[in-house]
Amino acid sequence: MSGLLGLALADFRERVRRPAYLLMLISAIGLGLLAVPPADSHWSVLVIGGFRGRYTSDYVGMVTALTSALWLTLVGFYLVRDAVARDERTGVGQLLAASPLRTPVYLAGKLLSNAMVLGSMVAVLAATALVLQLLRGESRAVDPVALALPFALVALPMLVLTAALAVLFETTPVLRGGLGNVLWFFVWMIGAIGGQSAHAPFGGLGLRPVTLPAGASHDVGLGLMYVEEPLRTFDWPGLRLDAGFLGGRLALTAIAVAVALLPALWFHRFDRPARAARAAAGAEPRTVYKGLPPTEPRRGGTGPRLLAGEVRILVRGAPTWWWLGAGALALAGLAAPPGAVLALVWIWPVLLWSRLGTQPAASGADAILAACPAPRRRVVAEWGAGALLAAVTGAGAAARMAFAGDLPGLAAWTAGAAFIPALALALGALTGAPRVFQAIYTVLWYLLINDTSALDFMGALRDHGRLTGPSPALWAGAAAAGIAVALTRTAWRETRR
């Protein structure tokens, strides 16, 4: 037990020292502000039969806990799922493999560490809920138990399950990479929709004990919603707790522990020869960046050679089935209306685009690239490689629009081909982690295919053939801003060398 606690505490302390942890806590405060908006707000995260509860400790605690159970399960997964990979990158995993620490204890330690990180966000949300109750002024009678109880029974079991699934994804070969990051969004979406049912297994997201006001409809909506008029209020009596709900939350927590320990059947803590060989290949920058000039070549040759090198780096390792799928989608773009197929075409390369801006740090090639006298050209060439990938995969849709004389569609296509790699490059340069772009782009893509025209960055949404999204100039400007962010980040790194 002492080994488990020591491992979890050491991992937790290492995480809280990072600036990203502070940003994470600040984002939790913002989530609390969404959960308890001003009384005259037209936005709400919980609508109970057309009403909302008066801001008492019971209601503020419940609505904030439900909000955290919904949104922290999405964001929290991406925040904590790097624990095992970090041990492998830093060499800590190899040290642990040589220790007498058993695999189930290691996995339990990662589960506990993940849960502590997410639990600290819940604690910040609980404190925010208390402050907001006093600020909103509808009730100044504070009941700490009533405020904290929903966090313990509604939010924490869901976040423990999220922490466990992060361990499972990290230790399962098929899920540990970018595919798992993209897949999680759809897993979360299914759970978020199904979990709102009163008959969801183990209590779902926790809506079952929500009390409806007298005379109201039985519709309960959870999520960020716009209402035409500020919601009417009622005095919420508190959670309706019963043995079934409490037993379901306890069972959900037990299942989470089992899910986290399940990889002990196949995960062997970095001690397999294959893992050692892969770790030994960490000097790969020499081969990955083979072909890039250590010094600037003669004028006229830098641009094409640098772009060609970045293209090889970007698509390196893409399997044959990936290219076959990209070819099939490109052909589909010739046959189908561009609005219907373009979104499918430009979700296919998401894992390759997510490499932009992250590969020098991930591969350890920073020191090699520092010898390059034109770091800005390298950044632009990296973006160019991503834009070229977008152009090649979307060539079928572009050709169809060109044949039809669809100039507005081509303009939107061009802006999208520029914006997507610019977004990936900026996020990769700022965070050094591909999973940030994978998560954000997947959410943007999902909102787009659900007819959110304000986010149509590729010209996929149309009304009787007319584009309904923002002007392509807006996305072209966003692309320029993304490249500028990456250039600024690169320049900042150069000044620190």
Protein backbone atom coordinates (compact mmCIF):
# COMPACT_ATOMS: atom_id res chain seq x y z
CA MET A 1 0.00 0.00 0.00
CA SER A 2 2.84 2.39 0.80
CA GLY A 3 4.38 1.71 -2.61
CA LEU A 4 1.08 2.46 -4.32
CA LEU A 5 0.59 5.74 -2.45
CA GLY A 6 4.20 6.77 -2.96
CA LEU A 7 3.99 6.14 -6.71
CA ALA A 8 0.71 8.04 -7.02
CA LEU A 9 1.88 10.99 -4.93
CA ALA A 10 5.18 11.28 -6.80
CA ASP A 11 3.36 11.25 -10.12
CA PHE A 12 0.80 13.79 -8.89
CA ARG A 13 3.48 16.17 -7.55
CA GLU A 14 5.33 16.01 -10.84
CA ARG A 15 2.19 17.02 -12.72
CA VAL A 16 1.16 19.91 -10.46
CA ARG A 17 4.54 21.60 -10.98
CA ARG A 18 3.75 22.21 -14.63
CA PRO A 19 2.26 25.50 -15.91
CA ALA A 20 -0.39 23.44 -17.72
CA TYR A 21 -1.79 22.35 -14.37
CA LEU A 22 -2.45 25.96 -13.38
CA LEU A 23 -4.20 26.56 -16.69
CA MET A 24 -6.26 23.45 -16.02
CA LEU A 25 -7.43 24.80 -12.68
CA ILE A 26 -8.28 28.17 -14.24
CA SER A 27 -10.37 26.38 -16.86
CA ALA A 28 -12.23 24.64 -14.03
CA ILE A 29 -13.20 28.06 -12.65
CA GLY A 30 -14.53 29.00 -16.08
CA LEU A 31 -16.60 25.82 -16.13
CA GLY A 32 -18.11 26.82 -12.79
CA LEU A 33 -19.10 30.21 -14.23
CA LEU A 34 -20.96 28.43 -17.02
CA ALA A 35 -22.75 26.18 -14.53
CA VAL A 36 -24.02 29.06 -12.37
CA PRO A 37 -24.67 31.99 -14.73
CA PRO A 38 -26.29 35.29 -13.68
CA ALA A 39 -30.02 35.13 -13.03
CA ASP A 40 -30.87 37.05 -16.23
CA SER A 41 -28.64 34.94 -18.47
CA HIS A 42 -29.97 33.37 -21.66
CA TRP A 43 -27.48 30.51 -21.36
CA SER A 44 -27.87 27.52 -19.11
CA VAL A 45 -26.20 24.12 -18.70
CA LEU A 46 -29.21 22.54 -16.98
CA VAL A 47 -32.87 23.07 -17.83
CA ILE A 48 -35.31 21.19 -15.59
CA GLY A 49 -38.70 21.16 -17.25
CA GLY A 50 -38.29 24.79 -18.31
CA PHE A 51 -37.08 25.83 -14.84
CA ARG A 52 -33.85 26.16 -12.90
CA GLY A 53 -33.38 25.87 -9.18
CA ARG A 54 -32.86 28.87 -6.96
CA TYR A 55 -29.17 29.25 -6.21
CA THR A 56 -29.03 27.48 -2.86
CA SER A 57 -26.15 25.27 -1.71
CA ASP A 58 -28.08 22.16 -2.77
CA TYR A 59 -28.78 23.36 -6.28
CA VAL A 60 -25.47 25.11 -6.96
CA GLY A 61 -23.58 22.00 -5.83
CA MET A 62 -25.74 19.72 -7.94
CA VAL A 63 -25.64 21.74 -11.18
CA THR A 64 -21.87 22.29 -10.90
CA ALA A 65 -21.27 18.60 -10.19
CA LEU A 66 -23.39 17.60 -13.21
CA THR A 67 -21.46 20.06 -15.38
CA SER A 68 -18.16 18.57 -14.27
CA ALA A 69 -19.47 15.02 -14.84
CA LEU A 70 -20.34 16.02 -18.40
CA TRP A 71 -17.40 18.14 -19.53
CA LEU A 72 -14.46 17.05 -17.36
CA THR A 73 -14.91 13.50 -18.61
CA LEU A 74 -14.09 14.82 -22.09
CA VAL A 75 -11.32 17.28 -21.32
CA GLY A 76 -9.94 15.40 -18.32
CA PHE A 77 -9.19 12.32 -20.40
CA TYR A 78 -6.81 14.27 -22.63
CA LEU A 79 -5.23 15.97 -19.62
CA VAL A 80 -4.28 12.79 -17.77
CA ARG A 81 -3.68 10.21 -20.47
CA ASP A 82 0.05 10.95 -20.84
CA ALA A 83 1.16 9.40 -17.53
CA VAL A 84 2.41 6.04 -18.85
CA ALA A 85 3.87 7.52 -22.03
CA ARG A 86 5.80 10.06 -19.95
CA ASP A 87 7.40 7.27 -17.94
CA GLU A 88 8.50 5.65 -21.19
CA ARG A 89 9.89 8.89 -22.64
CA THR A 90 11.83 9.89 -19.54
CA GLY A 91 13.26 6.44 -18.81
CA VAL A 92 11.42 6.16 -15.49
CA GLY A 93 9.56 3.18 -16.91
CA GLN A 94 12.77 1.24 -17.44
CA LEU A 95 13.80 1.91 -13.85
CA LEU A 96 10.42 0.71 -12.61
CA ALA A 97 10.69 -2.39 -14.79
CA ALA A 98 13.89 -3.31 -12.95
CA SER A 99 12.25 -2.78 -9.56
CA PRO A 100 10.14 -5.32 -7.63
CA LEU A 101 7.05 -3.18 -8.20
CA ARG A 102 4.31 -5.38 -9.63
CA THR A 103 2.32 -4.39 -12.70
CA PRO A 104 -1.09 -4.20 -10.94
CA VAL A 105 0.41 -1.85 -8.35
CA TYR A 106 1.89 0.31 -11.11
CA LEU A 107 -1.47 0.51 -12.89
CA ALA A 108 -3.31 1.25 -9.65
CA GLY A 109 -0.82 4.03 -8.94
CA LYS A 110 -1.50 5.61 -12.32
CA LEU A 111 -5.24 5.33 -11.72
CA LEU A 112 -4.90 7.01 -8.34
CA SER A 113 -2.67 9.73 -9.75
CA ASN A 114 -5.10 10.44 -12.60
CA ALA A 115 -8.00 10.52 -10.15
CA MET A 116 -6.10 12.94 -7.89
CA VAL A 117 -5.49 15.32 -10.79
CA LEU A 118 -9.15 15.25 -11.85
CA GLY A 119 -10.24 15.37 -8.21
CA SER A 120 -8.27 18.56 -7.68
CA MET A 121 -10.26 20.12 -10.50
CA VAL A 122 -13.47 19.00 -8.77
CA ALA A 123 -12.25 20.61 -5.54
CA VAL A 124 -11.67 23.89 -7.38
CA LEU A 125 -15.15 23.62 -8.89
CA ALA A 126 -16.67 23.05 -5.44
CA ALA A 127 -14.92 26.15 -4.09
CA THR A 128 -16.05 28.10 -7.16
CA ALA A 129 -19.63 26.92 -6.58
CA LEU A 130 -19.56 28.25 -3.02
CA VAL A 131 -18.25 31.65 -4.14
CA LEU A 132 -20.80 31.85 -6.95
CA GLN A 133 -23.66 31.05 -4.59
CA LEU A 134 -22.70 34.04 -2.48
CA LEU A 135 -22.10 36.29 -5.50
CA ARG A 136 -25.42 35.50 -7.17
CA GLY A 137 -27.17 36.42 -3.93
CA GLU A 138 -30.33 34.31 -4.25
CA SER A 139 -29.46 32.46 -1.04
CA ARG A 140 -26.65 33.23 1.35
CA ALA A 141 -27.35 30.29 3.67
CA VAL A 142 -24.38 27.99 3.13
CA ASP A 143 -24.74 24.25 3.74
CA PRO A 144 -21.28 22.68 3.11
CA VAL A 145 -22.59 19.10 3.20
CA ALA A 146 -25.41 19.78 0.74
CA LEU A 147 -22.97 21.57 -1.57
CA ALA A 148 -20.28 18.87 -1.46
CA LEU A 149 -22.50 15.78 -1.61
CA PRO A 150 -23.27 16.01 -5.37
CA PHE A 151 -19.56 16.23 -6.16
CA ALA A 152 -18.91 13.02 -4.21
CA LEU A 153 -21.86 11.07 -5.62
CA VAL A 154 -22.32 12.54 -9.11
CA ALA A 155 -18.99 13.85 -10.37
CA LEU A 156 -16.25 11.77 -8.72
CA PRO A 157 -17.42 8.30 -9.86
CA MET A 158 -17.52 9.53 -13.47
CA LEU A 159 -14.07 11.07 -13.19
CA VAL A 160 -12.61 7.93 -11.61
CA LEU A 161 -13.98 6.00 -14.58
CA THR A 162 -12.38 8.55 -16.92
CA ALA A 163 -9.06 8.17 -15.08
CA ALA A 164 -9.30 4.39 -15.45
CA LEU A 165 -10.10 4.55 -19.16
CA ALA A 166 -7.09 6.84 -19.67
CA VAL A 167 -4.90 4.10 -18.15
CA LEU A 168 -6.58 1.47 -20.35
CA PHE A 169 -6.08 3.49 -23.53
CA GLU A 170 -2.42 4.21 -22.70
CA THR A 171 -1.56 0.57 -22.09
CA THR A 172 -3.44 -0.95 -25.03
CA PRO A 173 -1.32 -0.98 -28.23
CA VAL A 174 -4.16 -0.13 -30.63
CA LEU A 175 -5.47 2.73 -28.47
CA ARG A 176 -2.31 4.28 -27.08
CA GLY A 177 -1.64 6.52 -30.10
CA GLY A 178 -3.59 9.17 -31.93
CA LEU A 179 -6.35 6.76 -32.90
CA GLY A 180 -7.28 6.44 -29.24
CA ASN A 181 -7.41 10.23 -28.85
CA VAL A 182 -9.84 10.56 -31.74
CA LEU A 183 -11.86 7.52 -30.68
CA TRP A 184 -12.31 8.89 -27.15
CA PHE A 185 -14.39 11.81 -28.41
CA PHE A 186 -16.95 9.44 -29.89
CA VAL A 187 -16.87 7.19 -26.82
CA TRP A 188 -17.51 10.25 -24.66
CA MET A 189 -20.29 11.49 -26.94
CA ILE A 190 -22.14 8.17 -26.75
CA GLY A 191 -21.74 8.13 -22.99
CA ALA A 192 -22.82 11.76 -22.63
CA ILE A 193 -26.01 11.19 -24.60
CA GLY A 194 -26.88 7.80 -23.12
CA GLY A 195 -25.83 8.83 -19.63
CA GLN A 196 -28.56 11.46 -19.41
CA SER A 197 -31.28 8.83 -19.40
CA ALA A 198 -32.97 8.11 -16.08
CA HIS A 199 -32.46 4.42 -16.86
CA ALA A 200 -28.75 4.67 -17.67
CA PRO A 201 -26.62 1.91 -16.07
CA PHE A 202 -25.12 2.78 -12.67
CA GLY A 203 -26.94 6.12 -12.64
CA GLY A 204 -25.26 7.45 -15.80
CA LEU A 205 -24.14 11.04 -15.49
CA GLY A 206 -26.21 11.44 -12.34
CA LEU A 207 -29.49 12.96 -13.54
CA ARG A 208 -31.63 10.26 -11.94
CA PRO A 209 -31.90 11.90 -8.48
CA VAL A 210 -32.73 15.33 -9.96
CA THR A 211 -36.08 16.56 -8.58
CA LEU A 212 -38.56 18.10 -11.02
CA PRO A 213 -40.59 21.17 -10.01
CA ALA A 214 -44.35 20.77 -9.58
CA GLY A 215 -46.31 21.31 -12.77
CA ALA A 216 -43.24 21.21 -15.05
CA SER A 217 -42.64 18.96 -18.03
CA HIS A 218 -40.45 15.93 -17.51
CA ASP A 219 -37.79 17.17 -19.93
CA VAL A 220 -34.35 17.60 -18.38
CA GLY A 221 -31.60 18.98 -20.59
CA LEU A 222 -27.89 18.94 -19.73
CA GLY A 223 -25.43 20.84 -21.87
CA LEU A 224 -24.73 24.44 -22.91
CA MET A 225 -28.13 25.68 -24.13
CA TYR A 226 -29.55 29.02 -25.23
CA VAL A 227 -33.00 29.93 -23.87
CA GLU A 228 -35.23 32.66 -25.28
CA GLU A 229 -36.19 33.98 -21.86
CA PRO A 230 -34.37 33.67 -18.51
CA LEU A 231 -35.53 30.50 -16.80
CA ARG A 232 -38.13 30.57 -14.04
CA THR A 233 -36.90 29.40 -10.64
CA PHE A 234 -38.16 26.97 -8.04
CA ASP A 235 -36.92 25.85 -4.64
CA TRP A 236 -35.03 22.67 -5.32
CA PRO A 237 -35.41 20.21 -2.40
CA GLY A 238 -32.11 18.42 -2.94
CA LEU A 239 -30.96 15.08 -4.34
CA ARG A 240 -33.43 12.21 -4.23
CA LEU A 241 -31.06 9.50 -3.06
CA ASP A 242 -32.04 5.84 -2.88
CA ALA A 243 -30.23 2.56 -2.44
CA GLY A 244 -30.30 1.84 -6.17
CA PHE A 245 -28.53 5.07 -7.10
CA LEU A 246 -25.95 4.80 -4.30
CA GLY A 247 -25.26 1.17 -5.17
CA GLY A 248 -24.85 2.09 -8.83
CA ARG A 249 -22.24 4.77 -8.05
CA LEU A 250 -20.33 2.34 -5.85
CA ALA A 251 -20.46 -0.30 -8.59
CA LEU A 252 -19.29 2.25 -11.17
CA THR A 253 -16.24 3.05 -9.04
CA ALA A 254 -15.47 -0.66 -8.62
CA ILE A 255 -15.73 -1.17 -12.39
CA ALA A 256 -13.33 1.73 -12.92
CA VAL A 257 -10.74 0.03 -10.71
CA ALA A 258 -11.21 -3.23 -12.64
CA VAL A 259 -10.80 -1.42 -15.97
CA ALA A 260 -7.54 0.17 -14.83
CA LEU A 261 -6.14 -3.16 -13.62
CA LEU A 262 -7.25 -5.13 -16.70
CA PRO A 263 -4.13 -4.22 -18.76
CA ALA A 264 -2.04 -6.23 -16.30
CA LEU A 265 -2.94 -9.16 -18.58
CA TRP A 266 -0.89 -7.73 -21.45
CA PHE A 267 1.07 -4.71 -20.20
CA HIS A 268 4.55 -5.60 -18.89
CA ARG A 269 5.91 -2.28 -17.67
CA PHE A 270 8.41 -1.45 -20.43
CA ASP A 271 10.50 -4.57 -19.81
CA ARG A 272 9.93 -6.38 -23.10
CA PRO A 273 12.80 -6.48 -25.58
CA ALA A 274 10.61 -4.84 -28.22
CA ARG A 275 10.07 -1.84 -25.98
CA ALA A 276 13.77 -1.67 -25.23
CA ALA A 277 14.51 -1.74 -28.93
CA ARG A 278 12.01 1.02 -29.55
CA ALA A 279 13.52 3.09 -26.76
CA ALA A 280 16.98 2.50 -28.23
CA ALA A 281 15.67 3.89 -31.50
CA GLY A 282 15.20 7.22 -29.76
CA ALA A 283 18.19 8.54 -31.68
CA GLU A 284 15.99 8.41 -34.73
CA PRO A 285 16.28 12.14 -35.51
CA ARG A 286 19.33 11.26 -37.61
CA THR A 287 17.15 9.12 -39.87
CA VAL A 288 13.92 11.04 -39.53
CA TYR A 289 15.60 14.24 -40.56
CA LYS A 290 17.85 12.64 -43.09
CA GLY A 291 17.95 14.85 -46.15
CA LEU A 292 17.62 18.11 -44.26
CA PRO A 293 20.70 20.27 -44.79
CA PRO A 294 22.82 20.84 -41.63
CA THR A 295 23.82 24.15 -43.13
CA GLU A 296 22.00 26.33 -45.59
CA PRO A 297 22.62 25.16 -49.17
CA ARG A 298 23.05 27.39 -52.19
CA ARG A 299 20.32 29.95 -52.75
CA GLY A 300 17.47 28.52 -54.79
CA GLY A 301 17.67 25.01 -53.36
CA THR A 302 16.54 25.60 -49.80
CA GLY A 303 12.80 25.90 -50.32
CA PRO A 304 12.06 22.81 -52.45
CA ARG A 305 14.49 20.56 -50.60
CA LEU A 306 13.23 21.68 -47.21
CA LEU A 307 9.61 21.20 -48.24
CA ALA A 308 10.36 17.75 -49.64
CA GLY A 309 12.09 16.79 -46.41
CA GLU A 310 9.15 17.98 -44.29
CA VAL A 311 6.72 16.06 -46.51
CA ARG A 312 8.74 12.85 -45.99
CA ILE A 313 8.77 13.45 -42.24
CA LEU A 314 5.03 14.14 -42.12
CA VAL A 315 3.89 11.03 -43.98
CA ARG A 316 6.64 8.73 -42.72
CA GLY A 317 5.21 5.49 -41.40
CA ALA A 318 1.72 5.91 -42.88
CA PRO A 319 0.57 2.33 -43.63
CA THR A 320 -0.62 1.11 -47.01
CA TRP A 321 -4.24 0.93 -45.89
CA TRP A 322 -4.10 4.62 -45.01
CA TRP A 323 -3.03 5.55 -48.53
CA LEU A 324 -5.70 3.28 -50.02
CA GLY A 325 -8.34 4.99 -47.88
CA ALA A 326 -7.08 8.45 -48.85
CA GLY A 327 -7.19 7.47 -52.54
CA ALA A 328 -10.72 6.14 -52.22
CA LEU A 329 -11.88 9.35 -50.54
CA ALA A 330 -10.20 11.46 -53.22
CA LEU A 331 -12.05 9.52 -55.92
CA ALA A 332 -15.27 9.94 -53.95
CA GLY A 333 -14.69 13.68 -54.09
CA LEU A 334 -14.89 13.47 -57.89
CA ALA A 335 -18.17 11.58 -57.81
CA ALA A 336 -20.09 13.13 -54.90
CA PRO A 337 -21.05 16.74 -54.18
CA PRO A 338 -18.08 18.39 -52.43
CA GLY A 339 -20.11 19.48 -49.42
CA ALA A 340 -21.08 15.89 -48.68
CA VAL A 341 -17.63 14.31 -48.96
CA LEU A 342 -15.13 17.02 -48.04
CA ALA A 343 -15.67 16.61 -44.31
CA LEU A 344 -14.90 12.89 -44.60
CA VAL A 345 -11.84 13.61 -46.73
CA TRP A 346 -10.35 16.02 -44.20
CA ILE A 347 -10.85 13.93 -41.08
CA TRP A 348 -8.80 11.09 -42.59
CA PRO A 349 -5.33 12.77 -42.22
CA VAL A 350 -5.94 14.06 -38.66
CA LEU A 351 -3.27 11.82 -37.12
CA LEU A 352 -0.66 12.96 -39.64
CA TRP A 353 -1.50 16.65 -39.25
CA SER A 354 -1.22 16.30 -35.48
CA ARG A 355 2.52 15.68 -35.91
CA LEU A 356 3.06 19.25 -37.10
CA GLY A 357 5.00 21.33 -34.62
CA THR A 358 5.62 18.40 -32.26
CA GLN A 359 8.19 16.21 -33.98
CA PRO A 360 11.43 18.07 -33.14
CA ALA A 361 10.73 17.91 -29.41
CA ALA A 362 9.22 14.41 -29.50
CA SER A 363 12.12 12.92 -31.44
CA GLY A 364 14.86 14.84 -29.65
CA ALA A 365 15.96 16.59 -32.84
CA ASP A 366 15.90 20.09 -31.37
CA ALA A 367 19.67 20.16 -31.01
CA ILE A 368 20.16 19.10 -34.65
CA LEU A 369 17.67 21.62 -35.98
CA ALA A 370 19.30 24.35 -33.91
CA ALA A 371 22.20 24.18 -36.38
CA CYS A 372 19.85 25.15 -39.21
CA PRO A 373 20.44 28.85 -40.00
CA ALA A 374 16.85 29.38 -41.20
CA PRO A 375 14.43 28.15 -38.50
CA ARG A 376 11.63 30.34 -39.86
CA ARG A 377 11.91 28.70 -43.26
CA ARG A 378 11.69 25.32 -41.62
CA VAL A 379 8.46 26.31 -39.83
CA VAL A 380 6.93 27.59 -43.07
CA ALA A 381 8.04 24.43 -44.87
CA GLU A 382 6.44 22.32 -42.14
CA TRP A 383 3.16 24.16 -42.63
CA GLY A 384 3.58 23.76 -46.41
CA ALA A 385 3.87 20.01 -45.98
CA GLY A 386 0.59 19.95 -44.06
CA ALA A 387 -1.10 22.16 -46.65
CA LEU A 388 0.17 19.91 -49.43
CA LEU A 389 -1.28 16.88 -47.61
CA ALA A 390 -4.64 18.68 -47.42
CA ALA A 391 -4.46 19.56 -51.12
CA VAL A 392 -3.62 16.01 -52.20
CA THR A 393 -6.31 14.34 -50.11
CA GLY A 394 -8.90 16.95 -51.10
CA ALA A 395 -7.91 17.05 -54.78
CA GLY A 396 -11.02 15.18 -55.93
CA ALA A 397 -13.39 17.69 -54.35
CA ALA A 398 -11.33 20.60 -55.70
CA ALA A 399 -11.36 19.15 -59.22
CA ARG A 400 -15.14 18.73 -59.14
CA MET A 401 -15.60 22.35 -58.03
CA ALA A 402 -13.17 23.53 -60.74
CA PHE A 403 -15.08 21.65 -63.45
CA ALA A 404 -18.34 23.17 -62.20
CA GLY A 405 -16.88 26.69 -62.06
CA ASP A 406 -17.56 26.87 -58.32
CA LEU A 407 -15.16 29.69 -57.47
CA PRO A 408 -16.59 30.40 -53.97
CA GLY A 409 -16.24 26.70 -53.15
CA LEU A 410 -12.64 26.67 -54.37
CA ALA A 411 -11.87 29.74 -52.25
CA ALA A 412 -13.30 28.02 -49.17
CA TRP A 413 -11.40 24.83 -50.02
CA THR A 414 -8.14 26.78 -50.32
CA ALA A 415 -8.70 28.55 -47.02
CA GLY A 416 -9.46 25.22 -45.31
CA ALA A 417 -6.34 23.59 -46.76
CA ALA A 418 -4.34 26.46 -45.27
CA PHE A 419 -6.16 26.68 -41.93
CA ILE A 420 -6.06 23.04 -40.84
CA PRO A 421 -2.25 22.59 -40.90
CA ALA A 422 -1.79 26.09 -39.45
CA LEU A 423 -3.98 25.14 -36.48
CA ALA A 424 -2.06 21.88 -36.03
CA LEU A 425 1.29 23.66 -36.29
CA ALA A 426 0.35 26.36 -33.77
CA LEU A 427 -1.03 23.90 -31.22
CA GLY A 428 1.90 21.55 -31.71
CA ALA A 429 4.44 24.34 -31.28
CA LEU A 430 2.74 25.63 -28.13
CA THR A 431 2.13 22.29 -26.41
CA GLY A 432 4.56 19.82 -27.97
CA ALA A 433 1.82 17.17 -27.82
CA PRO A 434 -0.17 15.87 -30.81
CA ARG A 435 -3.19 14.94 -28.69
CA VAL A 436 -4.18 18.61 -28.24
CA PHE A 437 -4.81 19.08 -31.96
CA GLN A 438 -6.39 15.63 -32.22
CA ALA A 439 -8.92 16.54 -29.55
CA ILE A 440 -9.68 20.10 -30.68
CA TYR A 441 -9.89 19.29 -34.38
CA THR A 442 -12.17 16.31 -33.77
CA VAL A 443 -14.56 18.52 -31.79
CA LEU A 444 -14.51 21.21 -34.51
CA TRP A 445 -15.13 18.58 -37.16
CA TYR A 446 -18.03 17.08 -35.22
CA LEU A 447 -19.67 20.48 -34.76
CA LEU A 448 -19.21 21.19 -38.46
CA ILE A 449 -20.91 17.98 -39.64
CA ASN A 450 -23.76 18.83 -37.27
CA ASP A 451 -24.48 21.98 -39.30
CA THR A 452 -22.66 24.52 -37.14
CA SER A 453 -22.11 26.87 -40.06
CA ALA A 454 -20.15 29.39 -37.97
CA LEU A 455 -17.36 26.81 -37.77
CA ASP A 456 -17.39 25.74 -41.42
CA PHE A 457 -13.70 26.18 -42.17
CA MET A 458 -13.71 24.12 -45.39
CA GLY A 459 -16.88 25.11 -47.27
CA ALA A 460 -18.70 21.85 -46.57
CA LEU A 461 -22.08 23.33 -45.56
CA ARG A 462 -24.35 24.72 -48.25
CA ASP A 463 -27.91 25.92 -48.67
CA HIS A 464 -29.16 25.31 -52.23
CA GLY A 465 -25.56 25.34 -53.40
CA ARG A 466 -24.65 28.56 -51.56
CA LEU A 467 -21.97 28.50 -48.87
CA THR A 468 -23.37 29.24 -45.41
CA GLY A 469 -20.16 29.56 -43.43
CA PRO A 470 -17.94 32.58 -42.74
CA SER A 471 -15.93 34.18 -45.50
CA PRO A 472 -12.86 32.19 -46.62
CA ALA A 473 -10.86 35.34 -45.87
CA LEU A 474 -11.58 34.80 -42.16
CA TRP A 475 -10.10 31.30 -42.22
CA ALA A 476 -7.17 32.47 -44.33
CA GLY A 477 -6.50 35.09 -41.68
CA ALA A 478 -6.75 32.43 -38.97
CA ALA A 479 -4.24 30.34 -40.92
CA ALA A 480 -1.83 33.29 -41.07
CA ALA A 481 -2.30 33.80 -37.32
CA GLY A 482 -1.52 30.13 -36.64
CA ILE A 483 1.69 30.32 -38.67
CA ALA A 484 2.62 33.52 -36.84
CA VAL A 485 2.13 31.78 -33.49
CA ALA A 486 4.42 28.93 -34.56
CA LEU A 487 7.05 31.37 -35.84
CA THR A 488 6.91 33.36 -32.60
CA ARG A 489 7.25 30.21 -30.54
CA THR A 490 10.23 29.10 -32.64
CA ALA A 491 11.89 32.50 -32.30
CA TRP A 492 11.38 32.40 -28.53
CA ARG A 493 13.04 29.00 -28.35
CA GLU A 494 15.98 30.28 -30.37
CA THR A 495 16.52 33.17 -27.95
CA ARG A 496 16.73 30.71 -25.05
CA ARG A 497 19.45 28.56 -26.60
